[in-house]
């Protein structure tokens, strides 16, 4: 299930790569990717925390 969403996000970012025409476009996309990455890190930490609660 998650793989589908990850694949969709990857496709969205790959499409956006085609429209980079300036440094501003690049920086905007780079910022969005970093933000998404931070959310993944937060989710990973929550998952680790849950594992510690279980065991």
PDB file of N, CA and C in Angstrom:
ATOM      1  N   UNK A   1       0.825  -1.197   0.000  1.00  0.00           N
ATOM      2  CA  UNK A   1       0.000   0.000   0.000  1.00  0.00           C
ATOM      3  C   UNK A   1       0.868   1.259   0.000  1.00  0.00           C
ATOM      4  N   UNK A   2       1.801   1.334   0.911  1.00  0.00           N
ATOM      5  CA  UNK A   2       2.668   2.506   0.966  1.00  0.00           C
ATOM      6  C   UNK A   2       3.524   2.637  -0.284  1.00  0.00           C
ATOM      7  N   UNK A   3       3.897   1.526  -0.845  1.00  0.00           N
ATOM      8  CA  UNK A   3       4.720   1.577  -2.055  1.00  0.00           C
ATOM      9  C   UNK A   3       4.037   2.357  -3.161  1.00  0.00           C
ATOM     10  N   UNK A   4       2.739   2.212  -3.253  1.00  0.00           N
ATOM     11  CA  UNK A   4       1.983   2.942  -4.269  1.00  0.00           C
ATOM     12  C   UNK A   4       2.124   4.453  -4.064  1.00  0.00           C
ATOM     13  N   UNK A   5       1.975   4.901  -2.831  1.00  0.00           N
ATOM     14  CA  UNK A   5       2.075   6.338  -2.546  1.00  0.00           C
ATOM     15  C   UNK A   5       3.495   6.852  -2.762  1.00  0.00           C
ATOM     16  N   UNK A   6       4.453   6.068  -2.372  1.00  0.00           N
ATOM     17  CA  UNK A   6       5.851   6.461  -2.577  1.00  0.00           C
ATOM     18  C   UNK A   6       6.152   6.564  -4.064  1.00  0.00           C
ATOM     19  N   UNK A   7       5.669   5.618  -4.817  1.00  0.00           N
ATOM     20  CA  UNK A   7       5.862   5.650  -6.266  1.00  0.00           C
ATOM     21  C   UNK A   7       5.201   6.885  -6.888  1.00  0.00           C
ATOM     22  N   UNK A   8       4.015   7.204  -6.419  1.00  0.00           N
ATOM     23  CA  UNK A   8       3.322   8.394  -6.925  1.00  0.00           C
ATOM     24  C   UNK A   8       4.098   9.668  -6.604  1.00  0.00           C
ATOM     25  N   UNK A   9       4.599   9.763  -5.389  1.00  0.00           N
ATOM     26  CA  UNK A   9       5.399  10.940  -5.017  1.00  0.00           C
ATOM     27  C   UNK A   9       6.654  11.032  -5.873  1.00  0.00           C
ATOM     28  N   UNK A  10       7.297   9.914  -6.086  1.00  0.00           N
ATOM     29  CA  UNK A  10       8.485   9.907  -6.940  1.00  0.00           C
ATOM     30  C   UNK A  10       8.143  10.385  -8.346  1.00  0.00           C
ATOM     31  N   UNK A  11       7.035   9.920  -8.873  1.00  0.00           N
ATOM     32  CA  UNK A  11       6.614  10.335 -10.207  1.00  0.00           C
ATOM     33  C   UNK A  11       6.331  11.831 -10.276  1.00  0.00           C
ATOM     34  N   UNK A  12       5.709  12.348  -9.238  1.00  0.00           N
ATOM     35  CA  UNK A  12       5.427  13.786  -9.181  1.00  0.00           C
ATOM     36  C   UNK A  12       6.725  14.585  -9.223  1.00  0.00           C
ATOM     37  N   UNK A  13       7.694  14.173  -8.405  1.00  0.00           N
ATOM     38  CA  UNK A  13       8.957  14.902  -8.376  1.00  0.00           C
ATOM     39  C   UNK A  13       9.725  14.732  -9.674  1.00  0.00           C
ATOM     40  N   UNK A  14       9.658  13.569 -10.277  1.00  0.00           N
ATOM     41  CA  UNK A  14      10.321  13.375 -11.567  1.00  0.00           C
ATOM     42  C   UNK A  14       9.704  14.264 -12.642  1.00  0.00           C
ATOM     43  N   UNK A  15       8.397  14.407 -12.614  1.00  0.00           N
ATOM     44  CA  UNK A  15       7.732  15.306 -13.560  1.00  0.00           C
ATOM     45  C   UNK A  15       8.160  16.752 -13.331  1.00  0.00           C
ATOM     46  N   UNK A  16       8.268  17.121 -12.068  1.00  0.00           N
ATOM     47  CA  UNK A  16       8.672  18.496 -11.759  1.00  0.00           C
ATOM     48  C   UNK A  16      10.092  18.784 -12.218  1.00  0.00           C
ATOM     49  N   UNK A  17      10.930  17.766 -12.237  1.00  0.00           N
ATOM     50  CA  UNK A  17      12.306  17.951 -12.698  1.00  0.00           C
ATOM     51  C   UNK A  17      12.347  18.491 -14.127  1.00  0.00           C
ATOM     52  N   UNK A  18      11.403  18.062 -14.913  1.00  0.00           N
ATOM     53  CA  UNK A  18      11.357  18.479 -16.308  1.00  0.00           C
ATOM     54  C   UNK A  18      11.058  19.974 -16.466  1.00  0.00           C
ATOM     55  N   UNK A  19      10.469  20.571 -15.448  1.00  0.00           N
ATOM     56  CA  UNK A  19      10.051  21.968 -15.551  1.00  0.00           C
ATOM     57  C   UNK A  19      10.976  22.938 -14.833  1.00  0.00           C
ATOM     58  N   UNK A  20      12.101  22.441 -14.367  1.00  0.00           N
ATOM     59  CA  UNK A  20      13.059  23.336 -13.715  1.00  0.00           C
ATOM     60  C   UNK A  20      13.693  24.214 -14.783  1.00  0.00           C
ATOM     61  N   UNK A  21      13.484  25.504 -14.639  1.00  0.00           N
ATOM     62  CA  UNK A  21      14.015  26.455 -15.611  1.00  0.00           C
ATOM     63  C   UNK A  21      14.845  27.548 -14.956  1.00  0.00           C
ATOM     64  N   UNK A  22      14.921  27.502 -13.644  1.00  0.00           N
ATOM     65  CA  UNK A  22      15.678  28.537 -12.949  1.00  0.00           C
ATOM     66  C   UNK A  22      16.193  28.001 -11.621  1.00  0.00           C
ATOM     67  N   UNK A  23      17.074  28.764 -11.029  1.00  0.00           N
ATOM     68  CA  UNK A  23      17.583  28.402  -9.708  1.00  0.00           C
ATOM     69  C   UNK A  23      16.439  28.404  -8.698  1.00  0.00           C
ATOM     70  N   UNK A  24      15.509  29.316  -8.846  1.00  0.00           N
ATOM     71  CA  UNK A  24      14.365  29.381  -7.934  1.00  0.00           C
ATOM     72  C   UNK A  24      13.519  28.110  -8.016  1.00  0.00           C
ATOM     73  N   UNK A  25      13.306  27.632  -9.232  1.00  0.00           N
ATOM     74  CA  UNK A  25      12.558  26.379  -9.409  1.00  0.00           C
ATOM     75  C   UNK A  25      13.283  25.226  -8.722  1.00  0.00           C
ATOM     76  N   UNK A  26      14.590  25.191  -8.949  1.00  0.00           N
ATOM     77  CA  UNK A  26      15.404  24.149  -8.328  1.00  0.00           C
ATOM     78  C   UNK A  26      15.307  24.216  -6.807  1.00  0.00           C
ATOM     79  N   UNK A  27      15.479  25.398  -6.258  1.00  0.00           N
ATOM     80  CA  UNK A  27      15.453  25.554  -4.802  1.00  0.00           C
ATOM     81  C   UNK A  27      14.093  25.194  -4.215  1.00  0.00           C
ATOM     82  N   UNK A  28      13.045  25.531  -4.921  1.00  0.00           N
ATOM     83  CA  UNK A  28      11.707  25.194  -4.449  1.00  0.00           C
ATOM     84  C   UNK A  28      11.531  23.671  -4.399  1.00  0.00           C
ATOM     85  N   UNK A  29      11.930  23.000  -5.452  1.00  0.00           N
ATOM     86  CA  UNK A  29      11.808  21.540  -5.485  1.00  0.00           C
ATOM     87  C   UNK A  29      12.716  20.893  -4.445  1.00  0.00           C
ATOM     88  N   UNK A  30      13.905  21.402  -4.322  1.00  0.00           N
ATOM     89  CA  UNK A  30      14.846  20.890  -3.324  1.00  0.00           C
ATOM     90  C   UNK A  30      14.264  21.036  -1.920  1.00  0.00           C
ATOM     91  N   UNK A  31      13.655  22.166  -1.635  1.00  0.00           N
ATOM     92  CA  UNK A  31      13.040  22.410  -0.335  1.00  0.00           C
ATOM     93  C   UNK A  31      11.889  21.437  -0.082  1.00  0.00           C
ATOM     94  N   UNK A  32      11.084  21.194  -1.097  1.00  0.00           N
ATOM     95  CA  UNK A  32       9.964  20.265  -0.957  1.00  0.00           C
ATOM     96  C   UNK A  32      10.453  18.850  -0.680  1.00  0.00           C
ATOM     97  N   UNK A  33      11.509  18.453  -1.352  1.00  0.00           N
ATOM     98  CA  UNK A  33      12.073  17.118  -1.132  1.00  0.00           C
ATOM     99  C   UNK A  33      12.645  17.006   0.275  1.00  0.00           C
ATOM    100  N   UNK A  34      13.320  18.028   0.735  1.00  0.00           N
ATOM    101  CA  UNK A  34      13.868  18.015   2.090  1.00  0.00           C
ATOM    102  C   UNK A  34      12.755  17.969   3.129  1.00  0.00           C
ATOM    103  N   UNK A  35      11.690  18.696   2.892  1.00  0.00           N
ATOM    104  CA  UNK A  35      10.552  18.682   3.809  1.00  0.00           C
ATOM    105  C   UNK A  35       9.933  17.290   3.866  1.00  0.00           C
ATOM    106  N   UNK A  36       9.758  16.688   2.731  1.00  0.00           N
ATOM    107  CA  UNK A  36       9.222  15.328   2.683  1.00  0.00           C
ATOM    108  C   UNK A  36      10.148  14.357   3.411  1.00  0.00           C
ATOM    109  N   UNK A  37      11.418  14.503   3.194  1.00  0.00           N
ATOM    110  CA  UNK A  37      12.391  13.658   3.865  1.00  0.00           C
ATOM    111  C   UNK A  37      12.300  13.819   5.387  1.00  0.00           C
ATOM    112  N   UNK A  38      12.120  15.023   5.854  1.00  0.00           N
ATOM    113  CA  UNK A  38      11.977  15.263   7.296  1.00  0.00           C
ATOM    114  C   UNK A  38      10.730  14.580   7.853  1.00  0.00           C
ATOM    115  N   UNK A  39       9.668  14.575   7.086  1.00  0.00           N
ATOM    116  CA  UNK A  39       8.457  13.885   7.529  1.00  0.00           C
ATOM    117  C   UNK A  39       8.691  12.383   7.626  1.00  0.00           C
ATOM    118  N   UNK A  40       9.433  11.844   6.669  1.00  0.00           N
ATOM    119  CA  UNK A  40       9.758  10.416   6.721  1.00  0.00           C
ATOM    120  C   UNK A  40      10.599  10.099   7.950  1.00  0.00           C
ATOM    121  N   UNK A  41      11.542  10.979   8.263  1.00  0.00           N
ATOM    122  CA  UNK A  41      12.370  10.777   9.448  1.00  0.00           C
ATOM    123  C   UNK A  41      11.515  10.797  10.709  1.00  0.00           C
ATOM    124  N   UNK A  42      10.568  11.721  10.776  1.00  0.00           N
ATOM    125  CA  UNK A  42       9.679  11.804  11.930  1.00  0.00           C
ATOM    126  C   UNK A  42       8.846  10.532  12.061  1.00  0.00           C
ATOM    127  N   UNK A  43       8.343  10.035  10.952  1.00  0.00           N
ATOM    128  CA  UNK A  43       7.567   8.797  10.983  1.00  0.00           C
ATOM    129  C   UNK A  43       8.418   7.616  11.413  1.00  0.00           C
ATOM    130  N   UNK A  44       9.637   7.599  10.966  1.00  0.00           N
ATOM    131  CA  UNK A  44      10.548   6.528  11.349  1.00  0.00           C
ATOM    132  C   UNK A  44      10.820   6.561  12.853  1.00  0.00           C
ATOM    133  N   UNK A  45      10.989   7.752  13.395  1.00  0.00           N
ATOM    134  CA  UNK A  45      11.196   7.890  14.843  1.00  0.00           C
ATOM    135  C   UNK A  45       9.969   7.417  15.617  1.00  0.00           C
ATOM    136  N   UNK A  46       8.788   7.749  15.125  1.00  0.00           N
ATOM    137  CA  UNK A  46       7.566   7.288  15.787  1.00  0.00           C
ATOM    138  C   UNK A  46       7.461   5.771  15.745  1.00  0.00           C
ATOM    139  N   UNK A  47       7.837   5.199  14.641  1.00  0.00           N
ATOM    140  CA  UNK A  47       7.812   3.749  14.517  1.00  0.00           C
ATOM    141  C   UNK A  47       8.797   3.112  15.492  1.00  0.00           C
ATOM    142  N   UNK A  48       9.993   3.669  15.602  1.00  0.00           N
ATOM    143  CA  UNK A  48      10.984   3.166  16.551  1.00  0.00           C
ATOM    144  C   UNK A  48      10.482   3.285  17.987  1.00  0.00           C
ATOM    145  N   UNK A  49       9.872   4.407  18.278  1.00  0.00           N
ATOM    146  CA  UNK A  49       9.323   4.616  19.621  1.00  0.00           C
ATOM    147  C   UNK A  49       8.249   3.578  19.932  1.00  0.00           C
ATOM    148  N   UNK A  50       7.410   3.303  18.966  1.00  0.00           N
ATOM    149  CA  UNK A  50       6.360   2.301  19.161  1.00  0.00           C
ATOM    150  C   UNK A  50       6.964   0.926  19.392  1.00  0.00           C
ATOM    151  N   UNK A  51       7.997   0.603  18.684  1.00  0.00           N
ATOM    152  CA  UNK A  51       8.678  -0.681  18.859  1.00  0.00           C
ATOM    153  C   UNK A  51       9.207  -0.803  20.273  1.00  0.00           C
ATOM    154  N   UNK A  52       9.798   0.254  20.789  1.00  0.00           N
ATOM    155  CA  UNK A  52      10.310   0.237  22.154  1.00  0.00           C
ATOM    156  C   UNK A  52       9.185   0.087  23.177  1.00  0.00           C
ATOM    157  N   UNK A  53       8.042   0.653  22.892  1.00  0.00           N
ATOM    158  CA  UNK A  53       6.901   0.514  23.801  1.00  0.00           C
ATOM    159  C   UNK A  53       6.388  -0.926  23.828  1.00  0.00           C
ATOM    160  N   UNK A  54       6.444  -1.590  22.707  1.00  0.00           N
ATOM    161  CA  UNK A  54       5.940  -2.954  22.607  1.00  0.00           C
ATOM    162  C   UNK A  54       6.881  -3.925  23.283  1.00  0.00           C
ATOM    163  N   UNK A  55       8.175  -3.724  23.067  1.00  0.00           N
ATOM    164  CA  UNK A  55       9.166  -4.655  23.634  1.00  0.00           C
ATOM    165  C   UNK A  55       9.872  -3.980  24.753  1.00  0.00           C
TER     166      UNK A  55
END
